[in-house]
Amino acid sequence: MQAYRRPSPYNPQSNPLQVFGTVVDWRKTVTKYLERRCLQTLNSGSSSIATPVRIKCAEVNWSSFAQEWRSSYYQFTRDQAKRRDDDEPLAFKTVDDHHLDSLRALLNQHGISGLWTDDEVIRVSRIWHYLEGWPDSSRGLMALKSLGLIICTLSNGNSELLTDMAAHAHLPWTHVFSAEKFGAYKPHPSVYTSACKELGLEPRQCAMVAAHLADLEAARECGLQTIYIERMQEESWPIEEIDGAKSKGWLDMWVSLGDDSAGGGILEVARNLEGGNKP
């Protein structure tokens, strides 16, 4: 399927982008890092790892472990957004804090809590600051900027995490917007509407870019245009709901995995927007 763009009376002036999975390949980065850190620790002459922990480490599938870690983040942010919807008292907890608590819990569940020291666990939990971009991400963001568009993060990641990631993966953001700034997590509507206000734009002047239909559905309900980028293993909706979203045509642009005429992904988004956004 080729990328399509639904006709719209408004050319977007800003592209807020979801980050994890859309701009960066968290799965590959986190899995490889966990595998390498585990091997380094087990082979280190200065580490004293108990035999039962060594045996358990041999049984761990680090790709599955990374998915469990990521899934805990998804559930955490959804729970936080729901509590905000229900007007429950909410002390804001950053994604960094969640990643650390979740990592400790997962290490314990897998019987390998003795693999790393407390300080090492903290360092491992910060791998999310140093994720690698998809091959098209850095060039695609530059292409969007060249069209005169404002490009910004609209992520549940905290500000420090997003700033570190931008430097590491060469992501040339115009603005770094974090849910932390707005005191709520997506998909709470206040995150989307607050970002538009910060930019001085109406929601209809902004096009949310994401690899997750749930994120785009929430953005659309707030009046934003929506651009979907397919990324390998990123979509959590069942195939029937994906097909339904495609057939109903409520997305303003859909970039498929096979759309590589401009390099795929964000580069394909820039190619599709080029005609309407050149100065």
Protein backbone atom coordinates (compact mmCIF):
# COMPACT_ATOMS: atom_id res chain seq x y z
CA MET A 1 0.00 0.00 0.00
CA GLN A 2 1.31 3.44 -0.87
CA ALA A 3 1.23 6.31 1.60
CA TYR A 4 -1.94 8.30 1.32
CA ARG A 5 -2.82 11.81 2.41
CA ARG A 6 -6.43 12.78 2.96
CA PRO A 7 -7.33 16.19 1.51
CA SER A 8 -7.46 18.85 4.24
CA PRO A 9 -8.23 22.57 4.15
CA TYR A 10 -5.40 23.13 6.62
CA ASN A 11 -1.72 22.53 5.98
CA PRO A 12 -0.12 21.75 9.34
CA GLN A 13 2.24 24.33 10.79
CA SER A 14 3.55 22.00 13.47
CA ASN A 15 4.28 18.29 13.76
CA PRO A 16 4.23 17.09 17.35
CA LEU A 17 5.76 13.60 17.30
CA GLN A 18 5.35 10.65 19.60
CA VAL A 19 8.90 9.45 20.34
CA PHE A 20 9.18 5.88 21.66
CA GLY A 21 8.71 3.56 18.69
CA THR A 22 7.90 6.33 16.20
CA VAL A 23 11.22 8.20 16.17
CA VAL A 24 13.48 5.78 18.06
CA ASP A 25 13.84 2.00 17.90
CA TRP A 26 13.58 1.24 21.61
CA ARG A 27 13.25 -2.54 21.14
CA LYS A 28 16.57 -3.06 19.37
CA THR A 29 18.50 -0.61 21.56
CA VAL A 30 17.21 -1.87 24.91
CA THR A 31 17.48 -5.57 24.05
CA LYS A 32 21.08 -5.31 22.83
CA TYR A 33 22.06 -3.21 25.83
CA LEU A 34 20.57 -5.66 28.35
CA GLU A 35 22.23 -8.61 26.64
CA ARG A 36 25.60 -6.84 26.62
CA ARG A 37 25.39 -5.62 30.22
CA CYS A 38 24.39 -9.07 31.47
CA LEU A 39 27.28 -10.76 29.64
CA GLN A 40 29.77 -8.15 30.84
CA THR A 41 28.67 -8.57 34.44
CA LEU A 42 28.72 -12.36 34.38
CA ASN A 43 32.20 -12.38 32.82
CA SER A 44 33.63 -9.67 35.06
CA GLY A 45 36.33 -10.79 37.43
CA SER A 46 35.23 -8.17 39.94
CA SER A 47 31.61 -9.36 40.11
CA SER A 48 30.50 -11.94 42.63
CA ILE A 49 27.28 -13.37 41.21
CA ALA A 50 25.55 -16.21 43.06
CA THR A 51 25.22 -19.47 41.13
CA PRO A 52 21.38 -19.49 41.19
CA VAL A 53 21.40 -15.99 39.63
CA ARG A 54 23.83 -17.15 36.93
CA ILE A 55 21.55 -20.08 36.11
CA LYS A 56 18.50 -17.82 35.93
CA CYS A 57 20.32 -15.36 33.67
CA ALA A 58 20.89 -18.13 31.14
CA GLU A 59 17.10 -18.60 30.96
CA VAL A 60 16.23 -14.93 30.37
CA ASN A 61 15.07 -13.90 26.92
CA TRP A 62 16.19 -10.27 26.94
CA SER A 63 13.96 -9.32 24.03
CA SER A 64 10.93 -10.51 26.00
CA PHE A 65 12.29 -8.79 29.10
CA ALA A 66 12.55 -5.52 27.17
CA GLN A 67 8.95 -5.92 25.99
CA GLU A 68 7.77 -6.51 29.55
CA TRP A 69 9.60 -3.37 30.62
CA ARG A 70 8.02 -1.38 27.81
CA SER A 71 4.56 -2.82 28.53
CA SER A 72 4.84 -1.74 32.16
CA TYR A 73 5.47 1.83 30.93
CA TYR A 74 2.39 1.69 28.72
CA GLN A 75 0.22 0.50 31.61
CA PHE A 76 1.73 3.06 34.00
CA THR A 77 1.00 6.03 31.72
CA ARG A 78 -2.55 4.82 30.97
CA ASP A 79 -3.28 4.35 34.66
CA GLN A 80 -1.94 7.82 35.40
CA ALA A 81 -4.05 9.36 32.63
CA LYS A 82 -7.18 7.59 33.90
CA ARG A 83 -6.60 8.81 37.44
CA ARG A 84 -6.33 12.33 36.07
CA ASP A 85 -9.62 11.80 34.20
CA ASP A 86 -11.26 10.64 37.45
CA ASP A 87 -9.91 13.73 39.28
CA GLU A 88 -8.01 11.56 41.74
CA PRO A 89 -5.22 13.27 43.72
CA LEU A 90 -2.09 12.61 41.70
CA ALA A 91 1.52 13.16 42.74
CA PHE A 92 3.33 13.26 39.42
CA LYS A 93 5.80 10.41 38.96
CA THR A 94 8.33 10.70 36.14
CA VAL A 95 8.97 8.04 33.54
CA ASP A 96 12.56 7.79 34.83
CA ASP A 97 11.22 6.88 38.27
CA HIS A 98 8.84 4.36 36.74
CA HIS A 99 11.56 2.77 34.61
CA LEU A 100 13.71 2.27 37.71
CA ASP A 101 10.90 0.82 39.84
CA SER A 102 9.77 -1.41 36.98
CA LEU A 103 13.30 -2.69 36.30
CA ARG A 104 13.75 -3.62 39.96
CA ALA A 105 10.42 -5.47 39.92
CA LEU A 106 11.24 -7.35 36.71
CA LEU A 107 14.68 -8.40 37.94
CA ASN A 108 13.03 -9.80 41.03
CA GLN A 109 10.30 -11.56 39.05
CA HIS A 110 12.91 -13.25 36.84
CA GLY A 111 14.96 -14.29 39.87
CA ILE A 112 18.00 -12.20 38.88
CA SER A 113 17.80 -9.30 41.34
CA GLY A 114 21.39 -10.06 42.38
CA LEU A 115 22.79 -9.52 38.89
CA TRP A 116 23.59 -5.82 39.38
CA THR A 117 24.28 -3.58 42.36
CA ASP A 118 21.81 -0.82 43.23
CA ASP A 119 23.99 1.77 41.47
CA GLU A 120 24.28 -0.45 38.40
CA VAL A 121 20.50 -0.96 38.29
CA ILE A 122 20.05 2.83 38.25
CA ARG A 123 22.51 3.14 35.35
CA VAL A 124 20.81 0.32 33.43
CA SER A 125 17.40 1.97 33.93
CA ARG A 126 18.65 5.05 32.08
CA ILE A 127 19.21 3.22 28.79
CA TRP A 128 15.94 4.85 27.70
CA HIS A 129 17.86 8.16 27.53
CA TYR A 130 20.11 6.76 24.79
CA LEU A 131 17.87 5.04 22.28
CA GLU A 132 18.89 4.87 18.62
CA GLY A 133 16.72 6.53 15.99
CA TRP A 134 15.18 4.70 13.08
CA PRO A 135 17.31 5.10 9.92
CA ASP A 136 14.95 7.77 8.54
CA SER A 137 14.41 9.74 11.76
CA SER A 138 17.18 12.34 11.87
CA ARG A 139 17.03 13.06 8.12
CA GLY A 140 13.23 13.04 8.20
CA LEU A 141 13.06 15.61 10.98
CA MET A 142 15.49 17.83 9.10
CA ALA A 143 13.33 17.49 6.00
CA LEU A 144 10.25 18.58 7.97
CA LYS A 145 12.15 21.57 9.36
CA SER A 146 13.20 22.53 5.85
CA LEU A 147 9.51 22.86 5.00
CA GLY A 148 9.18 25.54 7.67
CA LEU A 149 7.36 23.25 10.08
CA ILE A 150 7.74 23.37 13.84
CA ILE A 151 8.80 19.89 14.96
CA CYS A 152 8.48 18.98 18.60
CA THR A 153 8.26 15.98 20.85
CA LEU A 154 4.92 15.21 22.45
CA SER A 155 6.00 12.32 24.60
CA ASN A 156 5.29 10.80 27.98
CA GLY A 157 9.05 10.68 28.53
CA ASN A 158 10.36 13.22 31.04
CA SER A 159 12.26 16.30 29.88
CA GLU A 160 15.75 15.13 30.87
CA LEU A 161 15.23 11.82 29.09
CA LEU A 162 14.03 13.50 25.89
CA THR A 163 16.87 16.05 25.90
CA ASP A 164 19.51 13.33 26.34
CA MET A 165 17.91 11.25 23.61
CA ALA A 166 17.85 14.18 21.19
CA ALA A 167 21.58 14.74 21.63
CA HIS A 168 22.40 11.03 21.38
CA ALA A 169 20.27 10.24 18.31
CA HIS A 170 20.79 13.60 16.54
CA LEU A 171 17.14 14.62 16.65
CA PRO A 172 16.89 18.32 15.73
CA TRP A 173 13.76 19.28 17.64
CA THR A 174 12.43 22.83 17.56
CA HIS A 175 10.82 22.26 20.98
CA VAL A 176 10.95 19.42 23.51
CA PHE A 177 7.51 18.95 25.05
CA SER A 178 7.11 16.33 27.75
CA ALA A 179 4.01 15.17 29.58
CA GLU A 180 5.97 16.20 32.67
CA LYS A 181 5.60 19.84 31.56
CA PHE A 182 1.82 19.54 31.52
CA GLY A 183 1.41 17.47 34.69
CA ALA A 184 -0.45 14.64 32.94
CA TYR A 185 0.20 11.66 30.69
CA LYS A 186 -1.15 10.92 27.26
CA PRO A 187 -3.80 10.03 26.29
CA HIS A 188 -5.21 12.65 28.67
CA PRO A 189 -6.60 15.47 26.47
CA SER A 190 -4.77 18.20 28.42
CA VAL A 191 -1.42 17.02 27.06
CA TYR A 192 -2.45 17.53 23.43
CA THR A 193 -4.30 20.80 23.95
CA SER A 194 -1.58 22.26 26.19
CA ALA A 195 1.09 21.56 23.59
CA CYS A 196 -0.93 23.42 20.94
CA LYS A 197 -1.36 26.38 23.30
CA GLU A 198 2.39 26.45 23.99
CA LEU A 199 2.96 26.76 20.25
CA GLY A 200 0.33 29.48 19.90
CA LEU A 201 -1.58 27.33 17.40
CA GLU A 202 -5.07 25.91 17.09
CA PRO A 203 -5.23 22.10 17.28
CA ARG A 204 -6.35 21.95 13.61
CA GLN A 205 -3.03 23.62 12.67
CA CYS A 206 -1.04 20.77 14.24
CA ALA A 207 -0.56 17.24 12.92
CA MET A 208 0.30 14.58 15.50
CA VAL A 209 2.71 11.95 14.15
CA ALA A 210 2.79 8.53 15.81
CA ALA A 211 3.20 4.80 15.27
CA HIS A 212 0.35 4.07 17.68
CA LEU A 213 -3.28 4.43 16.68
CA ALA A 214 -4.47 4.93 20.26
CA ASP A 215 -2.27 8.03 20.56
CA LEU A 216 -3.60 9.38 17.27
CA GLU A 217 -7.20 8.63 18.18
CA ALA A 218 -6.81 10.71 21.36
CA ALA A 219 -5.11 13.53 19.41
CA ARG A 220 -7.89 13.51 16.80
CA GLU A 221 -10.52 13.84 19.53
CA CYS A 222 -8.71 17.02 20.60
CA GLY A 223 -8.92 18.43 17.07
CA LEU A 224 -5.40 17.69 15.80
CA GLN A 225 -4.67 16.29 12.37
CA THR A 226 -3.20 12.79 12.48
CA ILE A 227 -0.31 11.08 10.67
CA TYR A 228 0.31 7.37 11.18
CA ILE A 229 3.69 5.75 10.54
CA GLU A 230 3.80 1.96 10.56
CA ARG A 231 6.80 0.65 12.51
CA MET A 232 7.72 -2.99 12.97
CA GLN A 233 6.07 -4.55 16.07
CA GLU A 234 4.87 -1.20 17.40
CA GLU A 235 1.10 -1.27 16.94
CA SER A 236 -0.81 -2.77 19.88
CA TRP A 237 -4.27 -2.71 18.28
CA PRO A 238 -5.55 -6.03 16.87
CA ILE A 239 -5.54 -6.40 13.11
CA GLU A 240 -9.34 -5.95 12.89
CA GLU A 241 -9.12 -2.52 14.54
CA ILE A 242 -6.15 -1.54 12.39
CA ASP A 243 -8.07 -2.45 9.24
CA GLY A 244 -11.08 -0.56 10.61
CA ALA A 245 -9.04 2.61 11.16
CA LYS A 246 -7.66 2.31 7.63
CA SER A 247 -11.05 1.74 6.00
CA LYS A 248 -12.80 4.52 7.93
CA GLY A 249 -10.18 6.97 6.73
CA TRP A 250 -10.08 9.12 9.88
CA LEU A 251 -6.31 9.50 9.62
CA ASP A 252 -4.99 12.37 7.52
CA MET A 253 -1.94 10.42 6.36
CA TRP A 254 -0.94 6.76 6.57
CA VAL A 255 2.66 5.72 5.88
CA SER A 256 3.05 1.96 5.46
CA LEU A 257 6.16 -0.11 6.10
CA GLY A 258 6.66 -0.52 2.35
CA ASP A 259 6.56 3.20 1.60
CA ASP A 260 10.19 3.86 0.81
CA SER A 261 10.10 6.17 -2.19
CA ALA A 262 11.66 8.91 -0.04
CA GLY A 263 13.43 6.65 2.46
CA GLY A 264 10.40 5.58 4.47
CA GLY A 265 8.95 6.70 7.78
CA ILE A 266 9.38 10.37 8.62
CA LEU A 267 11.06 11.05 5.29
CA GLU A 268 7.90 9.83 3.57
CA VAL A 269 5.83 12.16 5.76
CA ALA A 270 8.01 15.08 4.63
CA ARG A 271 7.64 14.06 0.98
CA ASN A 272 3.85 13.98 1.29
CA LEU A 273 3.73 17.37 3.02
CA GLU A 274 6.23 19.06 0.71
CA GLY A 275 3.77 20.43 -1.81
CA GLY A 276 1.62 22.22 0.71
CA ASN A 277 4.27 23.60 3.04
CA LYS A 278 7.00 25.08 0.87
CA PRO A 279 7.48 28.80 1.52
